[in-house]
Amino acid sequence: MIPSVEAVTPVQVSLPGGDDVEAGLFQIVRKYLKTQDADWTAATTMAEAQIDSLDLVEVIFEIEDQFGVEINFNANAKSADETTFGDVVDLIRSALAAKARRA
């Protein structure tokens, strides 16, 4: 069973330039946590956070909804286990920048 957001201990994060992108990502990710106590950095992998490839796909869908962007995530390009939180933040920022250029 995946814990609800309320059941999860707040996660301590340490990403450079903490902003709404990181906050939004970690709010989404908390729903898929299988562990409660963790200190993560941008270098923390999804495997270390125990987020599997199926969960990562769900996270990407939620990111697209929350940020109003399309994430070009190719699960075959890099193992989901090797994907870091920093990688996902970079994907979000790139998508937001592309959206701003089109506006």
PDB file of N, CA and C in Angstrom:
ATOM      1  N   MET A   1       0.836  -1.189   0.000  1.00  0.00           N
ATOM      2  CA  MET A   1       0.000   0.000   0.000  1.00  0.00           C
ATOM      3  C   MET A   1       0.876   1.245   0.000  1.00  0.00           C
ATOM      4  N   ILE A   2       0.535   2.181  -0.829  1.00  0.00           N
ATOM      5  CA  ILE A   2       1.277   3.431  -0.905  1.00  0.00           C
ATOM      6  C   ILE A   2       0.697   4.383   0.130  1.00  0.00           C
ATOM      7  N   PRO A   3       1.553   4.977   0.971  1.00  0.00           N
ATOM      8  CA  PRO A   3       1.037   5.874   1.998  1.00  0.00           C
ATOM      9  C   PRO A   3       0.438   7.132   1.393  1.00  0.00           C
ATOM     10  N   SER A   4      -0.545   7.666   2.077  1.00  0.00           N
ATOM     11  CA  SER A   4      -1.129   8.921   1.617  1.00  0.00           C
ATOM     12  C   SER A   4      -0.168  10.053   1.941  1.00  0.00           C
ATOM     13  N   VAL A   5      -0.408  11.201   1.360  1.00  0.00           N
ATOM     14  CA  VAL A   5       0.450  12.353   1.603  1.00  0.00           C
ATOM     15  C   VAL A   5       0.474  12.689   3.083  1.00  0.00           C
ATOM     16  N   GLU A   6      -0.662  12.594   3.740  1.00  0.00           N
ATOM     17  CA  GLU A   6      -0.736  12.939   5.148  1.00  0.00           C
ATOM     18  C   GLU A   6       0.055  11.963   6.017  1.00  0.00           C
ATOM     19  N   ALA A   7       0.189  10.722   5.578  1.00  0.00           N
ATOM     20  CA  ALA A   7       0.855   9.702   6.376  1.00  0.00           C
ATOM     21  C   ALA A   7       2.368   9.747   6.243  1.00  0.00           C
ATOM     22  N   VAL A   8       2.876  10.526   5.320  1.00  0.00           N
ATOM     23  CA  VAL A   8       4.306  10.551   5.057  1.00  0.00           C
ATOM     24  C   VAL A   8       4.962  11.661   5.861  1.00  0.00           C
ATOM     25  N   THR A   9       6.071  11.330   6.496  1.00  0.00           N
ATOM     26  CA  THR A   9       6.853  12.325   7.206  1.00  0.00           C
ATOM     27  C   THR A   9       7.391  13.328   6.194  1.00  0.00           C
ATOM     28  N   PRO A  10       7.364  14.617   6.502  1.00  0.00           N
ATOM     29  CA  PRO A  10       7.890  15.584   5.550  1.00  0.00           C
ATOM     30  C   PRO A  10       9.319  15.238   5.143  1.00  0.00           C
ATOM     31  N   VAL A  11       9.583  15.349   3.865  1.00  0.00           N
ATOM     32  CA  VAL A  11      10.886  15.005   3.314  1.00  0.00           C
ATOM     33  C   VAL A  11      11.788  16.230   3.354  1.00  0.00           C
ATOM     34  N   GLN A  12      13.012  16.033   3.802  1.00  0.00           N
ATOM     35  CA  GLN A  12      14.004  17.097   3.787  1.00  0.00           C
ATOM     36  C   GLN A  12      14.725  17.034   2.450  1.00  0.00           C
ATOM     37  N   VAL A  13      14.720  18.124   1.716  1.00  0.00           N
ATOM     38  CA  VAL A  13      15.377  18.124   0.416  1.00  0.00           C
ATOM     39  C   VAL A  13      16.479  19.164   0.395  1.00  0.00           C
ATOM     40  N   SER A  14      17.456  18.918  -0.426  1.00  0.00           N
ATOM     41  CA  SER A  14      18.577  19.833  -0.545  1.00  0.00           C
ATOM     42  C   SER A  14      18.944  19.970  -2.011  1.00  0.00           C
ATOM     43  N   LEU A  15      18.187  20.785  -2.708  1.00  0.00           N
ATOM     44  CA  LEU A  15      18.467  21.022  -4.117  1.00  0.00           C
ATOM     45  C   LEU A  15      18.909  22.465  -4.276  1.00  0.00           C
ATOM     46  N   PRO A  16      19.935  22.693  -5.099  1.00  0.00           N
ATOM     47  CA  PRO A  16      20.411  24.059  -5.277  1.00  0.00           C
ATOM     48  C   PRO A  16      19.325  24.969  -5.839  1.00  0.00           C
ATOM     49  N   GLY A  17      19.263  26.188  -5.326  1.00  0.00           N
ATOM     50  CA  GLY A  17      18.305  27.162  -5.844  1.00  0.00           C
ATOM     51  C   GLY A  17      16.872  26.760  -5.600  1.00  0.00           C
ATOM     52  N   GLY A  18      16.596  26.169  -4.433  1.00  0.00           N
ATOM     53  CA  GLY A  18      15.261  25.680  -4.126  1.00  0.00           C
ATOM     54  C   GLY A  18      14.179  26.636  -4.595  1.00  0.00           C
ATOM     55  N   ASP A  19      13.239  26.146  -5.342  1.00  0.00           N
ATOM     56  CA  ASP A  19      12.183  26.987  -5.879  1.00  0.00           C
ATOM     57  C   ASP A  19      10.907  26.177  -6.025  1.00  0.00           C
ATOM     58  N   ASP A  20       9.942  26.735  -6.729  1.00  0.00           N
ATOM     59  CA  ASP A  20       8.650  26.079  -6.886  1.00  0.00           C
ATOM     60  C   ASP A  20       8.735  24.783  -7.677  1.00  0.00           C
ATOM     61  N   VAL A  21       9.729  24.653  -8.548  1.00  0.00           N
ATOM     62  CA  VAL A  21       9.875  23.414  -9.316  1.00  0.00           C
ATOM     63  C   VAL A  21      10.192  22.266  -8.367  1.00  0.00           C
ATOM     64  N   GLU A  22      11.197  22.455  -7.519  1.00  0.00           N
ATOM     65  CA  GLU A  22      11.549  21.404  -6.573  1.00  0.00           C
ATOM     66  C   GLU A  22      10.412  21.118  -5.606  1.00  0.00           C
ATOM     67  N   ALA A  23       9.799  22.172  -5.092  1.00  0.00           N
ATOM     68  CA  ALA A  23       8.698  21.991  -4.145  1.00  0.00           C
ATOM     69  C   ALA A  23       7.557  21.219  -4.791  1.00  0.00           C
ATOM     70  N   GLY A  24       7.216  21.575  -6.024  1.00  0.00           N
ATOM     71  CA  GLY A  24       6.149  20.875  -6.734  1.00  0.00           C
ATOM     72  C   GLY A  24       6.488  19.426  -6.998  1.00  0.00           C
ATOM     73  N   LEU A  25       7.743  19.173  -7.396  1.00  0.00           N
ATOM     74  CA  LEU A  25       8.173  17.800  -7.651  1.00  0.00           C
ATOM     75  C   LEU A  25       8.062  16.958  -6.389  1.00  0.00           C
ATOM     76  N   PHE A  26       8.569  17.451  -5.281  1.00  0.00           N
ATOM     77  CA  PHE A  26       8.546  16.653  -4.067  1.00  0.00           C
ATOM     78  C   PHE A  26       7.141  16.484  -3.502  1.00  0.00           C
ATOM     79  N   GLN A  27       6.266  17.448  -3.746  1.00  0.00           N
ATOM     80  CA  GLN A  27       4.870  17.279  -3.344  1.00  0.00           C
ATOM     81  C   GLN A  27       4.250  16.117  -4.118  1.00  0.00           C
ATOM     82  N   ILE A  28       4.558  16.022  -5.400  1.00  0.00           N
ATOM     83  CA  ILE A  28       4.049  14.925  -6.231  1.00  0.00           C
ATOM     84  C   ILE A  28       4.670  13.605  -5.807  1.00  0.00           C
ATOM     85  N   VAL A  29       5.986  13.588  -5.654  1.00  0.00           N
ATOM     86  CA  VAL A  29       6.715  12.350  -5.361  1.00  0.00           C
ATOM     87  C   VAL A  29       6.280  11.725  -4.043  1.00  0.00           C
ATOM     88  N   ARG A  30       5.952  12.542  -3.067  1.00  0.00           N
ATOM     89  CA  ARG A  30       5.541  12.012  -1.751  1.00  0.00           C
ATOM     90  C   ARG A  30       4.419  10.985  -1.853  1.00  0.00           C
ATOM     91  N   LYS A  31       3.555  11.141  -2.839  1.00  0.00           N
ATOM     92  CA  LYS A  31       2.428  10.215  -2.998  1.00  0.00           C
ATOM     93  C   LYS A  31       2.879   8.807  -3.344  1.00  0.00           C
ATOM     94  N   TYR A  32       4.079   8.676  -3.883  1.00  0.00           N
ATOM     95  CA  TYR A  32       4.561   7.384  -4.373  1.00  0.00           C
ATOM     96  C   TYR A  32       5.643   6.773  -3.490  1.00  0.00           C
ATOM     97  N   LEU A  33       5.934   7.409  -2.379  1.00  0.00           N
ATOM     98  CA  LEU A  33       7.005   6.921  -1.509  1.00  0.00           C
ATOM     99  C   LEU A  33       6.641   5.609  -0.842  1.00  0.00           C
ATOM    100  N   LYS A  34       7.623   4.754  -0.771  1.00  0.00           N
ATOM    101  CA  LYS A  34       7.466   3.498  -0.043  1.00  0.00           C
ATOM    102  C   LYS A  34       8.272   3.541   1.248  1.00  0.00           C
ATOM    103  N   THR A  35       9.029   4.609   1.424  1.00  0.00           N
ATOM    104  CA  THR A  35       9.766   4.854   2.658  1.00  0.00           C
ATOM    105  C   THR A  35       9.336   6.214   3.170  1.00  0.00           C
ATOM    106  N   GLN A  36       9.484   6.425   4.457  1.00  0.00           N
ATOM    107  CA  GLN A  36       9.009   7.684   5.016  1.00  0.00           C
ATOM    108  C   GLN A  36      10.121   8.665   5.353  1.00  0.00           C
ATOM    109  N   ASP A  37      11.186   8.201   5.923  1.00  0.00           N
ATOM    110  CA  ASP A  37      12.236   9.109   6.368  1.00  0.00           C
ATOM    111  C   ASP A  37      13.383   9.107   5.374  1.00  0.00           C
ATOM    112  N   ALA A  38      13.635  10.250   4.776  1.00  0.00           N
ATOM    113  CA  ALA A  38      14.724  10.322   3.809  1.00  0.00           C
ATOM    114  C   ALA A  38      15.198  11.759   3.661  1.00  0.00           C
ATOM    115  N   ASP A  39      16.474  11.896   3.442  1.00  0.00           N
ATOM    116  CA  ASP A  39      17.070  13.177   3.072  1.00  0.00           C
ATOM    117  C   ASP A  39      17.593  13.000   1.663  1.00  0.00           C
ATOM    118  N   TRP A  40      17.031  13.732   0.718  1.00  0.00           N
ATOM    119  CA  TRP A  40      17.406  13.560  -0.672  1.00  0.00           C
ATOM    120  C   TRP A  40      18.088  14.804  -1.198  1.00  0.00           C
ATOM    121  N   THR A  41      18.908  14.586  -2.202  1.00  0.00           N
ATOM    122  CA  THR A  41      19.551  15.679  -2.919  1.00  0.00           C
ATOM    123  C   THR A  41      19.210  15.521  -4.394  1.00  0.00           C
ATOM    124  N   ALA A  42      19.708  16.425  -5.196  1.00  0.00           N
ATOM    125  CA  ALA A  42      19.483  16.328  -6.638  1.00  0.00           C
ATOM    126  C   ALA A  42      20.095  15.055  -7.209  1.00  0.00           C
ATOM    127  N   ALA A  43      21.097  14.497  -6.532  1.00  0.00           N
ATOM    128  CA  ALA A  43      21.777  13.288  -7.017  1.00  0.00           C
ATOM    129  C   ALA A  43      21.099  11.994  -6.579  1.00  0.00           C
ATOM    130  N   THR A  44      20.073  12.083  -5.751  1.00  0.00           N
ATOM    131  CA  THR A  44      19.367  10.885  -5.291  1.00  0.00           C
ATOM    132  C   THR A  44      18.622  10.258  -6.460  1.00  0.00           C
ATOM    133  N   THR A  45      18.813   8.958  -6.642  1.00  0.00           N
ATOM    134  CA  THR A  45      18.144   8.259  -7.742  1.00  0.00           C
ATOM    135  C   THR A  45      16.750   7.811  -7.324  1.00  0.00           C
ATOM    136  N   MET A  46      15.947   7.514  -8.321  1.00  0.00           N
ATOM    137  CA  MET A  46      14.616   6.985  -8.049  1.00  0.00           C
ATOM    138  C   MET A  46      14.719   5.646  -7.312  1.00  0.00           C
ATOM    139  N   ALA A  47      15.725   4.847  -7.641  1.00  0.00           N
ATOM    140  CA  ALA A  47      15.914   3.564  -6.954  1.00  0.00           C
ATOM    141  C   ALA A  47      16.183   3.789  -5.474  1.00  0.00           C
ATOM    142  N   GLU A  48      16.992   4.781  -5.156  1.00  0.00           N
ATOM    143  CA  GLU A  48      17.282   5.082  -3.751  1.00  0.00           C
ATOM    144  C   GLU A  48      16.026   5.536  -3.016  1.00  0.00           C
ATOM    145  N   ALA A  49      15.125   6.192  -3.726  1.00  0.00           N
ATOM    146  CA  ALA A  49      13.860   6.632  -3.135  1.00  0.00           C
ATOM    147  C   ALA A  49      12.788   5.555  -3.238  1.00  0.00           C
ATOM    148  N   GLN A  50      13.151   4.407  -3.819  1.00  0.00           N
ATOM    149  CA  GLN A  50      12.245   3.274  -4.011  1.00  0.00           C
ATOM    150  C   GLN A  50      11.031   3.642  -4.865  1.00  0.00           C
ATOM    151  N   ILE A  51      11.283   4.448  -5.894  1.00  0.00           N
ATOM    152  CA  ILE A  51      10.251   4.786  -6.872  1.00  0.00           C
ATOM    153  C   ILE A  51      10.565   3.982  -8.123  1.00  0.00           C
ATOM    154  N   ASP A  52       9.672   3.064  -8.465  1.00  0.00           N
ATOM    155  CA  ASP A  52       9.931   2.196  -9.616  1.00  0.00           C
ATOM    156  C   ASP A  52       9.511   2.878 -10.916  1.00  0.00           C
ATOM    157  N   SER A  53       9.757   2.202 -12.037  1.00  0.00           N
ATOM    158  CA  SER A  53       9.497   2.812 -13.343  1.00  0.00           C
ATOM    159  C   SER A  53       8.022   3.137 -13.552  1.00  0.00           C
ATOM    160  N   LEU A  54       7.128   2.303 -13.053  1.00  0.00           N
ATOM    161  CA  LEU A  54       5.697   2.584 -13.181  1.00  0.00           C
ATOM    162  C   LEU A  54       5.325   3.830 -12.382  1.00  0.00           C
ATOM    163  N   ASP A  55       5.845   3.924 -11.157  1.00  0.00           N
ATOM    164  CA  ASP A  55       5.606   5.119 -10.351  1.00  0.00           C
ATOM    165  C   ASP A  55       6.162   6.358 -11.043  1.00  0.00           C
ATOM    166  N   LEU A  56       7.337   6.222 -11.667  1.00  0.00           N
ATOM    167  CA  LEU A  56       7.948   7.364 -12.334  1.00  0.00           C
ATOM    168  C   LEU A  56       7.079   7.856 -13.487  1.00  0.00           C
ATOM    169  N   VAL A  57       6.468   6.947 -14.212  1.00  0.00           N
ATOM    170  CA  VAL A  57       5.550   7.341 -15.288  1.00  0.00           C
ATOM    171  C   VAL A  57       4.381   8.132 -14.701  1.00  0.00           C
ATOM    172  N   GLU A  58       3.832   7.667 -13.590  1.00  0.00           N
ATOM    173  CA  GLU A  58       2.738   8.384 -12.927  1.00  0.00           C
ATOM    174  C   GLU A  58       3.199   9.761 -12.455  1.00  0.00           C
ATOM    175  N   VAL A  59       4.413   9.834 -11.916  1.00  0.00           N
ATOM    176  CA  VAL A  59       4.972  11.113 -11.477  1.00  0.00           C
ATOM    177  C   VAL A  59       5.062  12.070 -12.665  1.00  0.00           C
ATOM    178  N   ILE A  60       5.546  11.578 -13.797  1.00  0.00           N
ATOM    179  CA  ILE A  60       5.663  12.418 -14.999  1.00  0.00           C
ATOM    180  C   ILE A  60       4.292  12.939 -15.430  1.00  0.00           C
ATOM    181  N   PHE A  61       3.269  12.078 -15.412  1.00  0.00           N
ATOM    182  CA  PHE A  61       1.912  12.525 -15.766  1.00  0.00           C
ATOM    183  C   PHE A  61       1.441  13.629 -14.824  1.00  0.00           C
ATOM    184  N   GLU A  62       1.690  13.466 -13.537  1.00  0.00           N
ATOM    185  CA  GLU A  62       1.267  14.488 -12.571  1.00  0.00           C
ATOM    186  C   GLU A  62       2.035  15.788 -12.761  1.00  0.00           C
ATOM    187  N   ILE A  63       3.326  15.678 -13.074  1.00  0.00           N
ATOM    188  CA  ILE A  63       4.128  16.874 -13.350  1.00  0.00           C
ATOM    189  C   ILE A  63       3.526  17.635 -14.525  1.00  0.00           C
ATOM    190  N   GLU A  64       3.180  16.907 -15.582  1.00  0.00           N
ATOM    191  CA  GLU A  64       2.601  17.551 -16.764  1.00  0.00           C
ATOM    192  C   GLU A  64       1.316  18.279 -16.409  1.00  0.00           C
ATOM    193  N   ASP A  65       0.483  17.657 -15.586  1.00  0.00           N
ATOM    194  CA  ASP A  65      -0.768  18.295 -15.172  1.00  0.00           C
ATOM    195  C   ASP A  65      -0.507  19.512 -14.295  1.00  0.00           C
ATOM    196  N   GLN A  66       0.359  19.371 -13.300  1.00  0.00           N
ATOM    197  CA  GLN A  66       0.586  20.448 -12.338  1.00  0.00           C
ATOM    198  C   GLN A  66       1.272  21.653 -12.969  1.00  0.00           C
ATOM    199  N   PHE A  67       2.260  21.406 -13.821  1.00  0.00           N
ATOM    200  CA  PHE A  67       3.033  22.501 -14.393  1.00  0.00           C
ATOM    201  C   PHE A  67       2.529  22.937 -15.765  1.00  0.00           C
ATOM    202  N   GLY A  68       1.571  22.204 -16.333  1.00  0.00           N
ATOM    203  CA  GLY A  68       1.022  22.566 -17.632  1.00  0.00           C
ATOM    204  C   GLY A  68       2.025  22.447 -18.765  1.00  0.00           C
ATOM    205  N   VAL A  69       2.875  21.429 -18.680  1.00  0.00           N
ATOM    206  CA  VAL A  69       3.907  21.215 -19.694  1.00  0.00           C
ATOM    207  C   VAL A  69       3.871  19.770 -20.168  1.00  0.00           C
ATOM    208  N   GLU A  70       4.589  19.526 -21.268  1.00  0.00           N
ATOM    209  CA  GLU A  70       4.764  18.158 -21.739  1.00  0.00           C
ATOM    210  C   GLU A  70       6.214  17.772 -21.484  1.00  0.00           C
ATOM    211  N   ILE A  71       6.407  16.673 -20.783  1.00  0.00           N
ATOM    212  CA  ILE A  71       7.749  16.197 -20.459  1.00  0.00           C
ATOM    213  C   ILE A  71       8.135  15.132 -21.474  1.00  0.00           C
ATOM    214  N   ASN A  72       9.242  15.343 -22.138  1.00  0.00           N
ATOM    215  CA  ASN A  72       9.750  14.365 -23.093  1.00  0.00           C
ATOM    216  C   ASN A  72      10.661  13.394 -22.355  1.00  0.00           C
ATOM    217  N   PHE A  73      10.053  12.463 -21.658  1.00  0.00           N
ATOM    218  CA  PHE A  73      10.806  11.479 -20.883  1.00  0.00           C
ATOM    219  C   PHE A  73      10.783  10.165 -21.626  1.00  0.00           C
ATOM    220  N   ASN A  74      11.946   9.689 -21.984  1.00  0.00           N
ATOM    221  CA  ASN A  74      12.063   8.411 -22.671  1.00  0.00           C
ATOM    222  C   ASN A  74      12.600   7.392 -21.681  1.00  0.00           C
ATOM    223  N   ALA A  75      11.732   6.527 -21.216  1.00  0.00           N
ATOM    224  CA  ALA A  75      12.130   5.538 -20.217  1.00  0.00           C
ATOM    225  C   ALA A  75      13.212   4.610 -20.742  1.00  0.00           C
ATOM    226  N   ASN A  76      13.323   4.493 -22.055  1.00  0.00           N
ATOM    227  CA  ASN A  76      14.342   3.622 -22.636  1.00  0.00           C
ATOM    228  C   ASN A  76      15.712   4.293 -22.712  1.00  0.00           C
ATOM    229  N   ALA A  77      15.749   5.619 -22.666  1.00  0.00           N
ATOM    230  CA  ALA A  77      17.009   6.337 -22.797  1.00  0.00           C
ATOM    231  C   ALA A  77      17.874   6.198 -21.552  1.00  0.00           C
ATOM    232  N   LYS A  78      17.273   6.123 -20.423  1.00  0.00           N
ATOM    233  CA  LYS A  78      17.991   6.003 -19.162  1.00  0.00           C
ATOM    234  C   LYS A  78      17.132   5.173 -18.235  1.00  0.00           C
ATOM    235  N   SER A  79      17.738   4.264 -17.559  1.00  0.00           N
ATOM    236  CA  SER A  79      16.993   3.430 -16.635  1.00  0.00           C
ATOM    237  C   SER A  79      16.289   4.304 -15.610  1.00  0.00           C
ATOM    238  N   ALA A  80      15.045   4.008 -15.351  1.00  0.00           N
ATOM    239  CA  ALA A  80      14.300   4.763 -14.342  1.00  0.00           C
ATOM    240  C   ALA A  80      15.020   4.702 -13.002  1.00  0.00           C
ATOM    241  N   ASP A  81      15.678   3.584 -12.727  1.00  0.00           N
ATOM    242  CA  ASP A  81      16.418   3.452 -11.469  1.00  0.00           C
ATOM    243  C   ASP A  81      17.565   4.450 -11.377  1.00  0.00           C
ATOM    244  N   GLU A  82      18.153   4.813 -12.522  1.00  0.00           N
ATOM    245  CA  GLU A  82      19.293   5.724 -12.554  1.00  0.00           C
ATOM    246  C   GLU A  82      18.874   7.188 -12.636  1.00  0.00           C
ATOM    247  N   THR A  83      17.612   7.444 -12.928  1.00  0.00           N
ATOM    248  CA  THR A  83      17.112   8.813 -13.026  1.00  0.00           C
ATOM    249  C   THR A  83      17.161   9.458 -11.650  1.00  0.00           C
ATOM    250  N   THR A  84      17.721  10.647 -11.581  1.00  0.00           N
ATOM    251  CA  THR A  84      17.824  11.351 -10.303  1.00  0.00           C
ATOM    252  C   THR A  84      16.730  12.412 -10.196  1.00  0.00           C
ATOM    253  N   PHE A  85      16.542  12.906  -8.974  1.00  0.00           N
ATOM    254  CA  PHE A  85      15.601  14.008  -8.790  1.00  0.00           C
ATOM    255  C   PHE A  85      16.075  15.223  -9.583  1.00  0.00           C
ATOM    256  N   GLY A  86      17.374  15.427  -9.645  1.00  0.00           N
ATOM    257  CA  GLY A  86      17.927  16.523 -10.435  1.00  0.00           C
ATOM    258  C   GLY A  86      17.598  16.390 -11.910  1.00  0.00           C
ATOM    259  N   ASP A  87      17.640  15.145 -12.432  1.00  0.00           N
ATOM    260  CA  ASP A  87      17.266  14.908 -13.831  1.00  0.00           C
ATOM    261  C   ASP A  87      15.826  15.344 -14.082  1.00  0.00           C
ATOM    262  N   VAL A  88      14.946  14.988 -13.168  1.00  0.00           N
ATOM    263  CA  VAL A  88      13.525  15.319 -13.332  1.00  0.00           C
ATOM    264  C   VAL A  88      13.316  16.827 -13.219  1.00  0.00           C
ATOM    265  N   VAL A  89      14.011  17.466 -12.278  1.00  0.00           N
ATOM    266  CA  VAL A  89      13.924  18.924 -12.154  1.00  0.00           C
ATOM    267  C   VAL A  89      14.393  19.578 -13.449  1.00  0.00           C
ATOM    268  N   ASP A  90      15.482  19.081 -14.025  1.00  0.00           N
ATOM    269  CA  ASP A  90      15.978  19.624 -15.296  1.00  0.00           C
ATOM    270  C   ASP A  90      14.954  19.457 -16.412  1.00  0.00           C
ATOM    271  N   LEU A  91      14.278  18.300 -16.447  1.00  0.00           N
ATOM    272  CA  LEU A  91      13.233  18.081 -17.451  1.00  0.00           C
ATOM    273  C   LEU A  91      12.106  19.096 -17.297  1.00  0.00           C
ATOM    274  N   ILE A  92      11.702  19.343 -16.051  1.00  0.00           N
ATOM    275  CA  ILE A  92      10.623  20.302 -15.789  1.00  0.00           C
ATOM    276  C   ILE A  92      11.051  21.698 -16.223  1.00  0.00           C
ATOM    277  N   ARG A  93      12.245  22.101 -15.813  1.00  0.00           N
ATOM    278  CA  ARG A  93      12.724  23.446 -16.165  1.00  0.00           C
ATOM    279  C   ARG A  93      12.841  23.619 -17.680  1.00  0.00           C
ATOM    280  N   SER A  94      13.330  22.596 -18.369  1.00  0.00           N
ATOM    281  CA  SER A  94      13.436  22.663 -19.833  1.00  0.00           C
ATOM    282  C   SER A  94      12.062  22.803 -20.467  1.00  0.00           C
ATOM    283  N   ALA A  95      11.099  22.050 -19.964  1.00  0.00           N
ATOM    284  CA  ALA A  95       9.738  22.117 -20.500  1.00  0.00           C
ATOM    285  C   ALA A  95       9.112  23.481 -20.231  1.00  0.00           C
ATOM    286  N   LEU A  96       9.349  24.041 -19.042  1.00  0.00           N
ATOM    287  CA  LEU A  96       8.818  25.368 -18.724  1.00  0.00           C
ATOM    288  C   LEU A  96       9.461  26.436 -19.608  1.00  0.00           C
ATOM    289  N   ALA A  97      10.758  26.319 -19.861  1.00  0.00           N
ATOM    290  CA  ALA A  97      11.450  27.281 -20.724  1.00  0.00           C
ATOM    291  C   ALA A  97      10.922  27.197 -22.153  1.00  0.00           C
ATOM    292  N   ALA A  98      10.708  25.980 -22.637  1.00  0.00           N
ATOM    293  CA  ALA A  98      10.165  25.801 -23.987  1.00  0.00           C
ATOM    294  C   ALA A  98       8.765  26.391 -24.082  1.00  0.00           C
ATOM    295  N   LYS A  99       7.978  26.202 -23.047  1.00  0.00           N
ATOM    296  CA  LYS A  99       6.619  26.751 -23.024  1.00  0.00           C
ATOM    297  C   LYS A  99       6.667  28.277 -23.046  1.00  0.00           C
ATOM    298  N   ALA A 100       7.586  28.867 -22.286  1.00  0.00           N
ATOM    299  CA  ALA A 100       7.713  30.325 -22.239  1.00  0.00           C
ATOM    300  C   ALA A 100       8.147  30.884 -23.593  1.00  0.00           C
ATOM    301  N   ARG A 101       9.022  30.165 -24.289  1.00  0.00           N
ATOM    302  CA  ARG A 101       9.470  30.625 -25.611  1.00  0.00           C
ATOM    303  C   ARG A 101       8.334  30.609 -26.622  1.00  0.00           C
ATOM    304  N   ARG A 102       7.420  29.657 -26.476  1.00  0.00           N
ATOM    305  CA  ARG A 102       6.286  29.558 -27.407  1.00  0.00           C
ATOM    306  C   ARG A 102       5.220  30.608 -27.123  1.00  0.00           C
ATOM    307  N   ALA A 103       5.192  31.116 -25.907  1.00  0.00           N
ATOM    308  CA  ALA A 103       4.138  32.064 -25.506  1.00  0.00           C
ATOM    309  C   ALA A 103       4.328  33.425 -26.121  1.00  0.00           C
TER     310      ALA A 103
END
